[in-house]
Amino acid sequence: MLDTAGRVTIWNVRSEERQDEKFRIHSDATAAACREVGWDYSVFAGHSRAKKFNLRWLAAYRHDRPW
């Protein structure tokens, strides 16, 4: 991701239950490589259950109906 200030962030998306030891090793190596070039690195484990359902509702049901 490139933000408006010009900062680069590399995102890794994986749920908490799938973040095993192999993932952590690769994640640490990626974070170190990002730091070398001045980039940020972040892991996104997902939204809370409530936020996930709120986003789903907003995406699916807030459209004008033809009637």
Protein backbone atom coordinates (compact mmCIF):
# COMPACT_ATOMS: atom_id res chain seq x y z
CA MET A 1 0.00 0.00 0.00
CA LEU A 2 1.24 3.47 -0.83
CA ASP A 3 -0.31 6.16 1.35
CA THR A 4 -0.71 9.86 0.58
CA ALA A 5 2.51 10.69 2.46
CA GLY A 6 4.47 8.32 0.22
CA ARG A 7 5.02 5.60 2.83
CA VAL A 8 4.95 2.00 1.63
CA THR A 9 3.36 -0.74 3.74
CA ILE A 10 3.51 -4.41 2.84
CA TRP A 11 0.51 -6.28 4.28
CA ASN A 12 0.36 -9.98 5.04
CA VAL A 13 -3.15 -11.30 5.63
CA ARG A 14 -3.65 -14.47 7.64
CA SER A 15 -6.06 -15.36 10.43
CA GLU A 16 -4.71 -15.92 13.94
CA GLU A 17 -5.39 -19.65 13.86
CA ARG A 18 -3.33 -20.04 10.66
CA GLN A 19 -0.28 -18.15 11.94
CA ASP A 20 1.99 -21.09 12.69
CA GLU A 21 5.74 -21.13 13.39
CA LYS A 22 6.63 -21.29 9.68
CA PHE A 23 4.49 -18.21 9.03
CA ARG A 24 6.16 -16.31 11.88
CA ILE A 25 9.63 -17.13 10.54
CA HIS A 26 8.70 -15.88 7.07
CA SER A 27 6.92 -12.87 8.53
CA ASP A 28 9.97 -11.88 10.58
CA ALA A 29 12.22 -12.22 7.51
CA THR A 30 9.85 -10.13 5.40
CA ALA A 31 9.65 -7.45 8.12
CA ALA A 32 13.46 -7.28 8.26
CA ALA A 33 13.70 -6.95 4.46
CA CYS A 34 11.08 -4.19 4.51
CA ARG A 35 12.99 -2.28 7.19
CA GLU A 36 16.15 -2.42 5.03
CA VAL A 37 14.44 -0.48 2.26
CA GLY A 38 12.49 1.84 4.57
CA TRP A 39 9.10 0.19 4.19
CA ASP A 40 6.58 -0.80 6.86
CA TYR A 41 5.32 -4.35 7.29
CA SER A 42 2.13 -5.38 9.02
CA VAL A 43 0.12 -8.56 9.56
CA PHE A 44 -3.68 -8.31 9.36
CA ALA A 45 -5.43 -11.14 11.20
CA GLY A 46 -8.97 -10.10 10.29
CA HIS A 47 -11.83 -8.13 11.73
CA SER A 48 -13.89 -8.99 14.75
CA ARG A 49 -17.02 -11.04 14.14
CA ALA A 50 -19.27 -8.00 14.62
CA LYS A 51 -17.31 -5.79 12.23
CA LYS A 52 -17.20 -8.55 9.61
CA PHE A 53 -20.99 -8.89 9.65
CA ASN A 54 -21.49 -5.11 9.64
CA LEU A 55 -19.28 -4.78 6.57
CA ARG A 56 -21.13 -7.63 4.87
CA TRP A 57 -24.45 -5.91 5.57
CA LEU A 58 -23.20 -2.59 4.22
CA ALA A 59 -21.88 -4.21 1.05
CA ALA A 60 -24.92 -6.36 0.31
CA TYR A 61 -28.04 -4.64 1.60
CA ARG A 62 -27.63 -0.89 1.34
CA HIS A 63 -28.51 -0.73 -2.35
CA ASP A 64 -31.60 0.91 -3.76
CA ARG A 65 -34.28 -1.64 -4.51
CA PRO A 66 -36.08 -1.51 -7.86
CA TRP A 67 -39.49 -1.21 -6.18
